[in-house]
Amino acid sequence: MTETIHRLIEQYGLVAVFLGCVAEGESAAILGGFFAHQQVFVLWQAFAAAFLGAFAGDTFFFILGRSFADHPYVRKMRRRPGFRRAYRLLNTHPNIYVLTNRYIYGMRLVGGIAAGLSTVSLPRFVILNAVSSAVWAALFGTLGYVFGLSAEHLIGQALIRHERLLVALAVGLGVAILAWLVAHRVAGRERAKDAEGDQLDRPS
């Protein structure tokens, strides 16, 4: 089974990193760095896949918000927790928001659509998003690579490469679960803040 997993990772690992980073992908970027340490693919390839996924995902949702504001999916996203706050921040601090939105787990899809509905121009968004995605990919890809170094010392050289790949998959699953729990908690707080904002906005 480990041979099959290794072969799949070699063939489709970079595609998986790319697709994972299109959405909410810290765990995908971290795993990309880890597998680069395991020499499944080259480190710059992991960085490139994470960068392209992050950039493509954010740009797609920006265009979705900009060109399809009345689409049912966009209307649904506008009702999600945190959307109104994201929209306010975009109109008061657009550069800072676009540069930092990708680091707020659970807010990327909402933030991309909010940016598309804001006054931020497409060229401005593309440049800021490229900078943000490059830094993000380098940061989390490096974390995965450093984790690979640490794991090698902790687990020991006696562990064969395929077994370390299984450890990486387990770690990736753990990171994804942890990220989901954090996002769920943040979303709960955003719902409470939005509900409070609704009450304050209503006329007395």
C-alpha atoms as a PDB file:
ATOM      1  CA  MET A   1       0.000   0.000   0.000  1.00  0.00           C
ATOM      2  CA  THR A   2       2.821   2.406   0.814  1.00  0.00           C
ATOM      3  CA  GLU A   3       4.232   1.881  -2.692  1.00  0.00           C
ATOM      4  CA  THR A   4       0.864   2.864  -4.168  1.00  0.00           C
ATOM      5  CA  ILE A   5       0.621   5.967  -1.960  1.00  0.00           C
ATOM      6  CA  HIS A   6       4.149   6.995  -2.863  1.00  0.00           C
ATOM      7  CA  ARG A   7       3.483   6.552  -6.568  1.00  0.00           C
ATOM      8  CA  LEU A   8       0.247   8.586  -6.353  1.00  0.00           C
ATOM      9  CA  ILE A   9       2.022  11.363  -4.479  1.00  0.00           C
ATOM     10  CA  GLU A  10       4.808  11.449  -7.059  1.00  0.00           C
ATOM     11  CA  GLN A  11       2.317  11.600  -9.930  1.00  0.00           C
ATOM     12  CA  TYR A  12      -0.384  13.823  -8.485  1.00  0.00           C
ATOM     13  CA  GLY A  13       1.149  15.468  -5.408  1.00  0.00           C
ATOM     14  CA  LEU A  14       1.732  18.864  -6.998  1.00  0.00           C
ATOM     15  CA  VAL A  15      -1.778  18.847  -8.459  1.00  0.00           C
ATOM     16  CA  ALA A  16      -3.150  18.058  -4.984  1.00  0.00           C
ATOM     17  CA  VAL A  17      -1.121  20.909  -3.461  1.00  0.00           C
ATOM     18  CA  PHE A  18      -2.429  23.271  -6.141  1.00  0.00           C
ATOM     19  CA  LEU A  19      -6.065  22.234  -5.678  1.00  0.00           C
ATOM     20  CA  GLY A  20      -5.771  22.297  -1.880  1.00  0.00           C
ATOM     21  CA  CYS A  21      -4.396  25.835  -1.958  1.00  0.00           C
ATOM     22  CA  VAL A  22      -7.167  27.057  -4.240  1.00  0.00           C
ATOM     23  CA  ALA A  23      -9.509  26.939  -1.264  1.00  0.00           C
ATOM     24  CA  GLU A  24      -8.445  26.895   2.371  1.00  0.00           C
ATOM     25  CA  GLY A  25      -5.070  25.245   1.958  1.00  0.00           C
ATOM     26  CA  GLU A  26      -2.550  25.740   4.781  1.00  0.00           C
ATOM     27  CA  SER A  27      -2.396  21.975   5.249  1.00  0.00           C
ATOM     28  CA  ALA A  28      -1.829  21.462   1.502  1.00  0.00           C
ATOM     29  CA  ALA A  29       1.030  24.001   1.460  1.00  0.00           C
ATOM     30  CA  ILE A  30       2.588  22.447   4.566  1.00  0.00           C
ATOM     31  CA  LEU A  31       2.358  18.958   3.081  1.00  0.00           C
ATOM     32  CA  GLY A  32       3.928  20.268  -0.114  1.00  0.00           C
ATOM     33  CA  GLY A  33       6.942  21.469   1.868  1.00  0.00           C
ATOM     34  CA  PHE A  34       7.114  18.190   3.783  1.00  0.00           C
ATOM     35  CA  PHE A  35       7.070  16.079   0.625  1.00  0.00           C
ATOM     36  CA  ALA A  36       9.737  18.333  -0.875  1.00  0.00           C
ATOM     37  CA  HIS A  37      11.898  17.491   2.132  1.00  0.00           C
ATOM     38  CA  GLN A  38      11.219  13.819   1.421  1.00  0.00           C
ATOM     39  CA  GLN A  39      12.461  14.493  -2.152  1.00  0.00           C
ATOM     40  CA  VAL A  40       9.159  13.447  -3.682  1.00  0.00           C
ATOM     41  CA  PHE A  41       9.370  16.683  -5.645  1.00  0.00           C
ATOM     42  CA  VAL A  42      11.595  19.768  -5.654  1.00  0.00           C
ATOM     43  CA  LEU A  43      11.013  22.519  -3.071  1.00  0.00           C
ATOM     44  CA  TRP A  44      10.514  25.272  -5.643  1.00  0.00           C
ATOM     45  CA  GLN A  45       7.849  23.146  -7.298  1.00  0.00           C
ATOM     46  CA  ALA A  46       5.978  22.899  -3.989  1.00  0.00           C
ATOM     47  CA  PHE A  47       6.242  26.679  -3.554  1.00  0.00           C
ATOM     48  CA  ALA A  48       5.050  27.257  -7.136  1.00  0.00           C
ATOM     49  CA  ALA A  49       2.059  24.902  -6.785  1.00  0.00           C
ATOM     50  CA  ALA A  50       1.026  26.536  -3.505  1.00  0.00           C
ATOM     51  CA  PHE A  51       1.464  30.035  -4.939  1.00  0.00           C
ATOM     52  CA  LEU A  52      -0.483  29.306  -8.113  1.00  0.00           C
ATOM     53  CA  GLY A  53      -3.292  27.639  -6.162  1.00  0.00           C
ATOM     54  CA  ALA A  54      -3.572  30.519  -3.695  1.00  0.00           C
ATOM     55  CA  PHE A  55      -3.403  33.160  -6.423  1.00  0.00           C
ATOM     56  CA  ALA A  56      -5.865  31.399  -8.723  1.00  0.00           C
ATOM     57  CA  GLY A  57      -8.374  30.777  -5.942  1.00  0.00           C
ATOM     58  CA  ASP A  58      -8.441  34.348  -4.653  1.00  0.00           C
ATOM     59  CA  THR A  59      -8.532  35.807  -8.163  1.00  0.00           C
ATOM     60  CA  PHE A  60     -11.374  33.496  -9.160  1.00  0.00           C
ATOM     61  CA  PHE A  61     -13.521  34.592  -6.229  1.00  0.00           C
ATOM     62  CA  PHE A  62     -12.667  38.245  -6.896  1.00  0.00           C
ATOM     63  CA  ILE A  63     -13.881  37.878 -10.494  1.00  0.00           C
ATOM     64  CA  LEU A  64     -16.936  35.971  -9.287  1.00  0.00           C
ATOM     65  CA  GLY A  65     -17.876  38.862  -7.010  1.00  0.00           C
ATOM     66  CA  ARG A  66     -17.051  41.475  -9.630  1.00  0.00           C
ATOM     67  CA  SER A  67     -18.855  39.905 -12.601  1.00  0.00           C
ATOM     68  CA  PHE A  68     -21.630  37.805 -11.033  1.00  0.00           C
ATOM     69  CA  ALA A  69     -22.864  39.888  -8.116  1.00  0.00           C
ATOM     70  CA  ASP A  70     -26.460  38.645  -8.563  1.00  0.00           C
ATOM     71  CA  HIS A  71     -25.572  34.965  -8.844  1.00  0.00           C
ATOM     72  CA  PRO A  72     -27.261  32.837  -6.117  1.00  0.00           C
ATOM     73  CA  TYR A  73     -23.876  31.585  -4.874  1.00  0.00           C
ATOM     74  CA  VAL A  74     -22.567  35.135  -4.487  1.00  0.00           C
ATOM     75  CA  ARG A  75     -25.745  36.179  -2.663  1.00  0.00           C
ATOM     76  CA  LYS A  76     -25.313  33.194  -0.375  1.00  0.00           C
ATOM     77  CA  MET A  77     -21.687  34.135   0.347  1.00  0.00           C
ATOM     78  CA  ARG A  78     -22.786  37.687   1.155  1.00  0.00           C
ATOM     79  CA  ARG A  79     -24.870  36.261   3.994  1.00  0.00           C
ATOM     80  CA  ARG A  80     -21.943  34.366   5.483  1.00  0.00           C
ATOM     81  CA  PRO A  81     -20.430  35.434   8.824  1.00  0.00           C
ATOM     82  CA  GLY A  82     -17.883  38.195   8.505  1.00  0.00           C
ATOM     83  CA  PHE A  83     -18.878  39.400   5.040  1.00  0.00           C
ATOM     84  CA  ARG A  84     -20.031  42.845   6.110  1.00  0.00           C
ATOM     85  CA  ARG A  85     -16.948  43.380   8.243  1.00  0.00           C
ATOM     86  CA  ALA A  86     -14.733  42.297   5.321  1.00  0.00           C
ATOM     87  CA  TYR A  87     -16.554  44.714   3.025  1.00  0.00           C
ATOM     88  CA  ARG A  88     -16.132  47.592   5.485  1.00  0.00           C
ATOM     89  CA  LEU A  89     -12.419  46.864   5.885  1.00  0.00           C
ATOM     90  CA  LEU A  90     -11.981  46.681   2.118  1.00  0.00           C
ATOM     91  CA  ASN A  91     -13.393  50.157   1.723  1.00  0.00           C
ATOM     92  CA  THR A  92     -11.341  51.652   4.578  1.00  0.00           C
ATOM     93  CA  HIS A  93      -8.024  49.731   4.292  1.00  0.00           C
ATOM     94  CA  PRO A  94      -8.095  47.929   0.917  1.00  0.00           C
ATOM     95  CA  ASN A  95      -4.360  47.291   0.542  1.00  0.00           C
ATOM     96  CA  ILE A  96      -3.936  45.862   4.035  1.00  0.00           C
ATOM     97  CA  TYR A  97      -7.034  43.713   3.699  1.00  0.00           C
ATOM     98  CA  VAL A  98      -6.073  42.146   0.358  1.00  0.00           C
ATOM     99  CA  LEU A  99      -2.549  41.470   1.634  1.00  0.00           C
ATOM    100  CA  THR A 100      -3.725  39.814   4.867  1.00  0.00           C
ATOM    101  CA  ASN A 101      -7.073  38.202   4.030  1.00  0.00           C
ATOM    102  CA  ARG A 102      -5.495  34.917   2.899  1.00  0.00           C
ATOM    103  CA  TYR A 103      -4.049  34.430   6.408  1.00  0.00           C
ATOM    104  CA  ILE A 104      -7.480  34.491   8.065  1.00  0.00           C
ATOM    105  CA  TYR A 105      -8.754  30.929   7.903  1.00  0.00           C
ATOM    106  CA  GLY A 106     -12.387  30.650   6.853  1.00  0.00           C
ATOM    107  CA  MET A 107     -12.494  34.167   5.386  1.00  0.00           C
ATOM    108  CA  ARG A 108     -10.741  33.719   2.041  1.00  0.00           C
ATOM    109  CA  LEU A 109     -13.778  32.882  -0.064  1.00  0.00           C
ATOM    110  CA  VAL A 110     -15.836  35.597   1.591  1.00  0.00           C
ATOM    111  CA  GLY A 111     -12.931  38.044   1.342  1.00  0.00           C
ATOM    112  CA  GLY A 112     -12.350  37.382  -2.355  1.00  0.00           C
ATOM    113  CA  ILE A 113     -15.992  37.950  -3.229  1.00  0.00           C
ATOM    114  CA  ALA A 114     -16.147  41.028  -0.982  1.00  0.00           C
ATOM    115  CA  ALA A 115     -13.096  42.422  -2.792  1.00  0.00           C
ATOM    116  CA  GLY A 116     -14.826  41.860  -6.115  1.00  0.00           C
ATOM    117  CA  LEU A 117     -17.846  43.807  -4.907  1.00  0.00           C
ATOM    118  CA  SER A 118     -15.715  46.642  -3.518  1.00  0.00           C
ATOM    119  CA  THR A 119     -14.065  49.588  -5.263  1.00  0.00           C
ATOM    120  CA  VAL A 120     -10.691  47.774  -5.527  1.00  0.00           C
ATOM    121  CA  SER A 121      -9.652  47.628  -9.192  1.00  0.00           C
ATOM    122  CA  LEU A 122      -8.679  44.332 -10.849  1.00  0.00           C
ATOM    123  CA  PRO A 123      -5.020  45.333 -11.561  1.00  0.00           C
ATOM    124  CA  ARG A 124      -4.588  46.501  -7.962  1.00  0.00           C
ATOM    125  CA  PHE A 125      -6.091  43.289  -6.599  1.00  0.00           C
ATOM    126  CA  VAL A 126      -3.961  41.101  -8.881  1.00  0.00           C
ATOM    127  CA  ILE A 127      -0.712  42.773  -7.773  1.00  0.00           C
ATOM    128  CA  LEU A 128      -1.558  42.692  -4.060  1.00  0.00           C
ATOM    129  CA  ASN A 129      -2.873  39.144  -4.303  1.00  0.00           C
ATOM    130  CA  ALA A 130       0.311  37.990  -6.066  1.00  0.00           C
ATOM    131  CA  VAL A 131       2.464  39.443  -3.268  1.00  0.00           C
ATOM    132  CA  SER A 132       0.244  37.948  -0.561  1.00  0.00           C
ATOM    133  CA  SER A 133       0.100  34.511  -2.236  1.00  0.00           C
ATOM    134  CA  ALA A 134       3.878  34.382  -2.757  1.00  0.00           C
ATOM    135  CA  VAL A 135       4.626  35.193   0.891  1.00  0.00           C
ATOM    136  CA  TRP A 136       1.925  32.777   2.064  1.00  0.00           C
ATOM    137  CA  ALA A 137       3.235  29.909  -0.108  1.00  0.00           C
ATOM    138  CA  ALA A 138       6.826  30.482   1.023  1.00  0.00           C
ATOM    139  CA  LEU A 139       5.794  30.676   4.694  1.00  0.00           C
ATOM    140  CA  PHE A 140       3.694  27.513   4.892  1.00  0.00           C
ATOM    141  CA  GLY A 141       5.833  25.573   2.424  1.00  0.00           C
ATOM    142  CA  THR A 142       8.890  26.351   4.558  1.00  0.00           C
ATOM    143  CA  LEU A 143       6.989  25.266   7.686  1.00  0.00           C
ATOM    144  CA  GLY A 144       6.361  21.904   6.030  1.00  0.00           C
ATOM    145  CA  TYR A 145      10.013  21.594   5.005  1.00  0.00           C
ATOM    146  CA  VAL A 146      11.208  22.493   8.514  1.00  0.00           C
ATOM    147  CA  PHE A 147       8.738  19.998   9.945  1.00  0.00           C
ATOM    148  CA  GLY A 148      10.323  17.371   7.702  1.00  0.00           C
ATOM    149  CA  LEU A 149      13.741  18.168   9.185  1.00  0.00           C
ATOM    150  CA  SER A 150      12.386  18.013  12.719  1.00  0.00           C
ATOM    151  CA  ALA A 151      10.472  14.800  12.089  1.00  0.00           C
ATOM    152  CA  GLU A 152      13.603  13.176  10.709  1.00  0.00           C
ATOM    153  CA  HIS A 153      15.415  13.904  13.977  1.00  0.00           C
ATOM    154  CA  LEU A 154      12.474  12.847  16.152  1.00  0.00           C
ATOM    155  CA  ILE A 155      11.476   9.731  14.219  1.00  0.00           C
ATOM    156  CA  GLY A 156      14.972   8.696  13.333  1.00  0.00           C
ATOM    157  CA  GLN A 157      16.877   7.754  10.222  1.00  0.00           C
ATOM    158  CA  ALA A 158      15.811   4.135  10.607  1.00  0.00           C
ATOM    159  CA  LEU A 159      12.307   4.990   9.395  1.00  0.00           C
ATOM    160  CA  ILE A 160      12.073   4.356   5.677  1.00  0.00           C
ATOM    161  CA  ARG A 161      10.840   6.976   3.258  1.00  0.00           C
ATOM    162  CA  HIS A 162       7.434   5.411   2.630  1.00  0.00           C
ATOM    163  CA  GLU A 163       6.644   5.275   6.354  1.00  0.00           C
ATOM    164  CA  ARG A 164       7.507   8.957   6.693  1.00  0.00           C
ATOM    165  CA  LEU A 165       5.074   9.691   3.874  1.00  0.00           C
ATOM    166  CA  LEU A 166       2.343   7.978   5.876  1.00  0.00           C
ATOM    167  CA  VAL A 167       3.312  10.119   8.867  1.00  0.00           C
ATOM    168  CA  ALA A 168       3.012  13.193   6.641  1.00  0.00           C
ATOM    169  CA  LEU A 169      -0.479  12.190   5.552  1.00  0.00           C
ATOM    170  CA  ALA A 170      -1.475  11.722   9.195  1.00  0.00           C
ATOM    171  CA  VAL A 171      -0.033  15.137  10.060  1.00  0.00           C
ATOM    172  CA  GLY A 172      -1.859  16.719   7.127  1.00  0.00           C
ATOM    173  CA  LEU A 173      -5.138  15.231   8.328  1.00  0.00           C
ATOM    174  CA  GLY A 174      -4.452  16.523  11.835  1.00  0.00           C
ATOM    175  CA  VAL A 175      -3.692  20.009  10.523  1.00  0.00           C
ATOM    176  CA  ALA A 176      -6.874  19.994   8.430  1.00  0.00           C
ATOM    177  CA  ILE A 177      -9.008  18.958  11.436  1.00  0.00           C
ATOM    178  CA  LEU A 178      -7.387  21.594  13.641  1.00  0.00           C
ATOM    179  CA  ALA A 179      -7.911  24.261  10.971  1.00  0.00           C
ATOM    180  CA  TRP A 180     -11.559  23.257  10.655  1.00  0.00           C
ATOM    181  CA  LEU A 181     -12.070  23.540  14.415  1.00  0.00           C
ATOM    182  CA  VAL A 182     -10.440  26.985  14.457  1.00  0.00           C
ATOM    183  CA  ALA A 183     -12.523  28.122  11.483  1.00  0.00           C
ATOM    184  CA  HIS A 184     -15.703  26.816  13.135  1.00  0.00           C
ATOM    185  CA  ARG A 185     -14.931  28.767  16.292  1.00  0.00           C
ATOM    186  CA  VAL A 186     -14.068  31.939  14.367  1.00  0.00           C
ATOM    187  CA  ALA A 187     -17.246  31.602  12.298  1.00  0.00           C
ATOM    188  CA  GLY A 188     -19.280  31.335  15.510  1.00  0.00           C
ATOM    189  CA  ARG A 189     -17.761  34.560  16.800  1.00  0.00           C
ATOM    190  CA  GLU A 190     -18.387  36.292  13.479  1.00  0.00           C
ATOM    191  CA  ARG A 191     -22.038  35.221  13.547  1.00  0.00           C
ATOM    192  CA  ALA A 192     -22.409  36.674  17.026  1.00  0.00           C
ATOM    193  CA  LYS A 193     -20.773  39.949  15.945  1.00  0.00           C
ATOM    194  CA  ASP A 194     -22.924  40.147  12.813  1.00  0.00           C
ATOM    195  CA  ALA A 195     -26.065  39.520  14.853  1.00  0.00           C
ATOM    196  CA  GLU A 196     -25.009  42.260  17.244  1.00  0.00           C
ATOM    197  CA  GLY A 197     -24.381  44.559  14.272  1.00  0.00           C
ATOM    198  CA  ASP A 198     -27.875  43.823  12.944  1.00  0.00           C
ATOM    199  CA  GLN A 199     -29.397  44.881  16.234  1.00  0.00           C
ATOM    200  CA  LEU A 200     -27.388  48.094  16.303  1.00  0.00           C
ATOM    201  CA  ASP A 201     -28.325  48.907  12.696  1.00  0.00           C
ATOM    202  CA  ARG A 202     -32.038  48.512  13.278  1.00  0.00           C
ATOM    203  CA  PRO A 203     -33.912  51.746  13.962  1.00  0.00           C
ATOM    204  CA  SER A 204     -35.203  52.096  17.488  1.00  0.00           C
END
